[in-house]
Amino acid sequence: MKNLFAVFVFTLVTHFSFGQVKDPVQWAFTAKKLNTTTYEVHLTATIDNGWHLYSQTTPEGGPSATTIAFTKNPLLSLDGGVKEVGKLEQKHEELFGVDVKQFSNKVDFVQVVKLKGPAKTALKGNLEFMTCNNQECLPPKTQKFSIALK
């Protein structure tokens, strides 16, 4: 009976120590008011050391590019496209056979938003991203967001 209990405890410890979910990207969502009707929205990724996140312009055939989808809101309009602010790294990735575009450490995705009138609302949506390090890639992950515009 003692041996059976010892095996059970060992199995639990092994399961929890090797079964941890990796989450190498932390997201922060903020809005900066530029004037009474215009906001600069920031979707900022802080990336763990050794990992990278892919650009929106990573070519097909490679890792999944970061995509950002905004939920339609009749109270606001998007002004231009999403800009990437960070140190863009480009390299040929043998694993995928293409030149990839990626960010390490930190990247800020910035979207300018204009309110159509005086209102308190939120910019909502989701983004999909993929991360890799030199040994493995994690499957694409979806992150929902809601950013208050006051």
C-alpha atoms as a PDB file:
ATOM      1  CA  MET A   1       0.000   0.000   0.000  1.00  0.00           C
ATOM      2  CA  LYS A   2       2.859   2.400   0.829  1.00  0.00           C
ATOM      3  CA  ASN A   3       4.426   1.664  -2.543  1.00  0.00           C
ATOM      4  CA  LEU A   4       1.170   2.394  -4.354  1.00  0.00           C
ATOM      5  CA  PHE A   5       0.852   5.726  -2.508  1.00  0.00           C
ATOM      6  CA  ALA A   6       4.475   6.621  -3.367  1.00  0.00           C
ATOM      7  CA  VAL A   7       3.859   5.874  -7.061  1.00  0.00           C
ATOM      8  CA  PHE A   8       0.700   8.012  -6.987  1.00  0.00           C
ATOM      9  CA  VAL A   9       2.533  10.995  -5.407  1.00  0.00           C
ATOM     10  CA  PHE A  10       5.450  10.635  -7.844  1.00  0.00           C
ATOM     11  CA  THR A  11       3.028  10.587 -10.782  1.00  0.00           C
ATOM     12  CA  LEU A  12       1.275  13.741  -9.556  1.00  0.00           C
ATOM     13  CA  VAL A  13       4.536  15.631  -9.021  1.00  0.00           C
ATOM     14  CA  THR A  14       5.816  14.598 -12.445  1.00  0.00           C
ATOM     15  CA  HIS A  15       2.560  15.585 -14.123  1.00  0.00           C
ATOM     16  CA  PHE A  16       2.472  19.064 -12.605  1.00  0.00           C
ATOM     17  CA  SER A  17       6.160  19.816 -13.090  1.00  0.00           C
ATOM     18  CA  PHE A  18       6.182  18.882 -16.790  1.00  0.00           C
ATOM     19  CA  GLY A  19       2.620  19.807 -17.646  1.00  0.00           C
ATOM     20  CA  GLN A  20       2.910  23.555 -17.097  1.00  0.00           C
ATOM     21  CA  VAL A  21       1.403  25.729 -19.794  1.00  0.00           C
ATOM     22  CA  LYS A  22       3.895  28.028 -21.469  1.00  0.00           C
ATOM     23  CA  ASP A  23       2.773  31.627 -21.859  1.00  0.00           C
ATOM     24  CA  PRO A  24       5.784  33.609 -23.142  1.00  0.00           C
ATOM     25  CA  VAL A  25       3.779  36.711 -24.192  1.00  0.00           C
ATOM     26  CA  GLN A  26       2.023  39.113 -21.826  1.00  0.00           C
ATOM     27  CA  TRP A  27      -0.360  41.684 -23.307  1.00  0.00           C
ATOM     28  CA  ALA A  28      -1.295  45.195 -22.145  1.00  0.00           C
ATOM     29  CA  PHE A  29      -4.110  47.198 -23.763  1.00  0.00           C
ATOM     30  CA  THR A  30      -4.250  50.994 -23.375  1.00  0.00           C
ATOM     31  CA  ALA A  31      -5.657  54.117 -25.045  1.00  0.00           C
ATOM     32  CA  LYS A  32      -4.028  57.524 -25.255  1.00  0.00           C
ATOM     33  CA  LYS A  33      -6.359  60.484 -25.896  1.00  0.00           C
ATOM     34  CA  LEU A  34      -4.910  62.739 -28.628  1.00  0.00           C
ATOM     35  CA  ASN A  35      -7.826  65.202 -28.752  1.00  0.00           C
ATOM     36  CA  THR A  36     -11.561  65.254 -27.996  1.00  0.00           C
ATOM     37  CA  THR A  37     -12.402  62.638 -30.645  1.00  0.00           C
ATOM     38  CA  THR A  38      -9.115  60.886 -31.484  1.00  0.00           C
ATOM     39  CA  TYR A  39      -7.351  58.110 -29.587  1.00  0.00           C
ATOM     40  CA  GLU A  40      -4.212  56.127 -30.121  1.00  0.00           C
ATOM     41  CA  VAL A  41      -4.836  52.555 -29.032  1.00  0.00           C
ATOM     42  CA  HIS A  42      -1.871  50.388 -27.978  1.00  0.00           C
ATOM     43  CA  LEU A  43      -1.807  46.588 -27.941  1.00  0.00           C
ATOM     44  CA  THR A  44       1.573  45.950 -26.357  1.00  0.00           C
ATOM     45  CA  ALA A  45       3.242  42.546 -26.217  1.00  0.00           C
ATOM     46  CA  THR A  46       6.036  41.891 -23.731  1.00  0.00           C
ATOM     47  CA  ILE A  47       7.859  38.779 -24.888  1.00  0.00           C
ATOM     48  CA  ASP A  48       9.891  36.486 -22.627  1.00  0.00           C
ATOM     49  CA  ASN A  49      13.625  36.270 -23.285  1.00  0.00           C
ATOM     50  CA  GLY A  50      14.467  33.804 -26.066  1.00  0.00           C
ATOM     51  CA  TRP A  51      10.973  33.869 -27.593  1.00  0.00           C
ATOM     52  CA  HIS A  52       9.677  35.863 -30.567  1.00  0.00           C
ATOM     53  CA  LEU A  53       6.315  37.004 -31.898  1.00  0.00           C
ATOM     54  CA  TYR A  54       5.658  37.290 -35.622  1.00  0.00           C
ATOM     55  CA  SER A  55       4.832  40.423 -37.592  1.00  0.00           C
ATOM     56  CA  GLN A  56       1.519  41.043 -39.314  1.00  0.00           C
ATOM     57  CA  THR A  57       3.467  40.838 -42.588  1.00  0.00           C
ATOM     58  CA  THR A  58       5.127  37.441 -42.096  1.00  0.00           C
ATOM     59  CA  PRO A  59       4.757  35.624 -45.449  1.00  0.00           C
ATOM     60  CA  GLU A  60       2.535  32.603 -46.060  1.00  0.00           C
ATOM     61  CA  GLY A  61       4.202  29.243 -45.691  1.00  0.00           C
ATOM     62  CA  GLY A  62       5.902  30.351 -42.500  1.00  0.00           C
ATOM     63  CA  PRO A  63       4.673  30.728 -38.945  1.00  0.00           C
ATOM     64  CA  SER A  64       1.268  32.334 -38.374  1.00  0.00           C
ATOM     65  CA  ALA A  65       1.396  36.098 -38.729  1.00  0.00           C
ATOM     66  CA  THR A  66      -0.124  38.222 -35.962  1.00  0.00           C
ATOM     67  CA  THR A  67      -3.643  39.260 -36.950  1.00  0.00           C
ATOM     68  CA  ILE A  68      -5.822  41.861 -35.262  1.00  0.00           C
ATOM     69  CA  ALA A  69      -9.590  41.950 -35.781  1.00  0.00           C
ATOM     70  CA  PHE A  70     -11.635  44.832 -34.395  1.00  0.00           C
ATOM     71  CA  THR A  71     -15.325  44.386 -33.557  1.00  0.00           C
ATOM     72  CA  LYS A  72     -17.528  46.801 -35.518  1.00  0.00           C
ATOM     73  CA  ASN A  73     -18.693  49.744 -33.439  1.00  0.00           C
ATOM     74  CA  PRO A  74     -21.013  52.401 -34.960  1.00  0.00           C
ATOM     75  CA  LEU A  75     -19.642  55.042 -32.568  1.00  0.00           C
ATOM     76  CA  LEU A  76     -16.090  54.979 -33.931  1.00  0.00           C
ATOM     77  CA  SER A  77     -13.964  54.566 -37.034  1.00  0.00           C
ATOM     78  CA  LEU A  78     -10.447  53.268 -37.552  1.00  0.00           C
ATOM     79  CA  ASP A  79      -7.998  55.772 -39.032  1.00  0.00           C
ATOM     80  CA  GLY A  80      -5.500  53.863 -41.184  1.00  0.00           C
ATOM     81  CA  GLY A  81      -4.043  50.479 -40.423  1.00  0.00           C
ATOM     82  CA  VAL A  82      -2.321  48.977 -37.404  1.00  0.00           C
ATOM     83  CA  LYS A  83       1.307  50.095 -37.117  1.00  0.00           C
ATOM     84  CA  GLU A  84       4.010  47.939 -35.547  1.00  0.00           C
ATOM     85  CA  VAL A  85       6.398  49.812 -33.254  1.00  0.00           C
ATOM     86  CA  GLY A  86       9.425  47.785 -32.223  1.00  0.00           C
ATOM     87  CA  LYS A  87      12.671  46.348 -33.545  1.00  0.00           C
ATOM     88  CA  LEU A  88      11.671  44.241 -36.556  1.00  0.00           C
ATOM     89  CA  GLU A  89      13.999  41.288 -37.131  1.00  0.00           C
ATOM     90  CA  GLN A  90      14.103  39.538 -40.494  1.00  0.00           C
ATOM     91  CA  LYS A  91      15.803  36.205 -41.008  1.00  0.00           C
ATOM     92  CA  HIS A  92      15.581  33.077 -43.101  1.00  0.00           C
ATOM     93  CA  GLU A  93      13.991  30.297 -41.079  1.00  0.00           C
ATOM     94  CA  GLU A  94      15.036  26.862 -42.317  1.00  0.00           C
ATOM     95  CA  LEU A  95      12.208  25.168 -40.423  1.00  0.00           C
ATOM     96  CA  PHE A  96       9.612  26.999 -42.534  1.00  0.00           C
ATOM     97  CA  GLY A  97      11.740  27.641 -45.643  1.00  0.00           C
ATOM     98  CA  VAL A  98      10.831  31.362 -45.772  1.00  0.00           C
ATOM     99  CA  ASP A  99      12.168  34.694 -44.571  1.00  0.00           C
ATOM    100  CA  VAL A 100      10.274  35.507 -41.380  1.00  0.00           C
ATOM    101  CA  LYS A 101       9.587  38.872 -39.771  1.00  0.00           C
ATOM    102  CA  GLN A 102       9.564  38.787 -35.992  1.00  0.00           C
ATOM    103  CA  PHE A 103       9.901  40.778 -32.781  1.00  0.00           C
ATOM    104  CA  SER A 104      11.764  39.899 -29.600  1.00  0.00           C
ATOM    105  CA  ASN A 105      11.367  41.473 -26.140  1.00  0.00           C
ATOM    106  CA  LYS A 106       8.575  43.957 -26.956  1.00  0.00           C
ATOM    107  CA  VAL A 107       6.336  45.194 -29.764  1.00  0.00           C
ATOM    108  CA  ASP A 108       3.549  47.760 -29.731  1.00  0.00           C
ATOM    109  CA  PHE A 109       0.679  47.475 -32.219  1.00  0.00           C
ATOM    110  CA  VAL A 110      -0.817  50.972 -32.587  1.00  0.00           C
ATOM    111  CA  GLN A 111      -4.201  51.900 -34.108  1.00  0.00           C
ATOM    112  CA  VAL A 112      -5.626  55.425 -34.375  1.00  0.00           C
ATOM    113  CA  VAL A 113      -9.366  55.541 -33.612  1.00  0.00           C
ATOM    114  CA  LYS A 114     -11.801  58.430 -34.106  1.00  0.00           C
ATOM    115  CA  LEU A 115     -15.091  58.844 -32.264  1.00  0.00           C
ATOM    116  CA  LYS A 116     -17.994  59.926 -34.472  1.00  0.00           C
ATOM    117  CA  GLY A 117     -19.433  62.039 -31.634  1.00  0.00           C
ATOM    118  CA  PRO A 118     -19.116  62.633 -27.911  1.00  0.00           C
ATOM    119  CA  ALA A 119     -19.567  59.230 -26.314  1.00  0.00           C
ATOM    120  CA  LYS A 120     -17.988  56.775 -23.948  1.00  0.00           C
ATOM    121  CA  THR A 121     -17.385  53.477 -25.695  1.00  0.00           C
ATOM    122  CA  ALA A 122     -14.798  50.751 -26.091  1.00  0.00           C
ATOM    123  CA  LEU A 123     -12.722  49.330 -28.888  1.00  0.00           C
ATOM    124  CA  LYS A 124     -13.100  45.560 -28.745  1.00  0.00           C
ATOM    125  CA  GLY A 125     -11.685  42.716 -30.739  1.00  0.00           C
ATOM    126  CA  ASN A 126      -9.239  39.877 -30.684  1.00  0.00           C
ATOM    127  CA  LEU A 127      -5.787  39.151 -31.887  1.00  0.00           C
ATOM    128  CA  GLU A 128      -4.211  35.900 -32.930  1.00  0.00           C
ATOM    129  CA  PHE A 129      -0.496  35.337 -32.567  1.00  0.00           C
ATOM    130  CA  MET A 130       2.140  32.621 -32.607  1.00  0.00           C
ATOM    131  CA  THR A 131       5.377  32.440 -30.646  1.00  0.00           C
ATOM    132  CA  CYS A 132       8.526  30.392 -31.123  1.00  0.00           C
ATOM    133  CA  ASN A 133      11.948  30.064 -29.592  1.00  0.00           C
ATOM    134  CA  ASN A 134      15.004  28.246 -30.980  1.00  0.00           C
ATOM    135  CA  GLN A 135      13.626  24.859 -29.931  1.00  0.00           C
ATOM    136  CA  GLU A 136       9.852  24.935 -30.321  1.00  0.00           C
ATOM    137  CA  CYS A 137       6.803  26.791 -31.572  1.00  0.00           C
ATOM    138  CA  LEU A 138       3.585  27.076 -29.632  1.00  0.00           C
ATOM    139  CA  PRO A 139       0.270  26.775 -31.478  1.00  0.00           C
ATOM    140  CA  PRO A 140      -1.433  30.050 -32.437  1.00  0.00           C
ATOM    141  CA  LYS A 141      -3.303  31.649 -29.551  1.00  0.00           C
ATOM    142  CA  THR A 142      -6.246  34.072 -29.527  1.00  0.00           C
ATOM    143  CA  GLN A 143      -6.390  36.976 -27.068  1.00  0.00           C
ATOM    144  CA  LYS A 144      -9.579  39.054 -26.639  1.00  0.00           C
ATOM    145  CA  PHE A 145      -9.368  42.721 -25.664  1.00  0.00           C
ATOM    146  CA  SER A 146     -11.586  45.649 -24.723  1.00  0.00           C
ATOM    147  CA  ILE A 147     -10.122  49.138 -24.423  1.00  0.00           C
ATOM    148  CA  ALA A 148     -12.204  51.926 -22.890  1.00  0.00           C
ATOM    149  CA  LEU A 149     -12.313  55.230 -24.797  1.00  0.00           C
ATOM    150  CA  LYS A 150     -13.385  57.946 -22.353  1.00  0.00           C
END
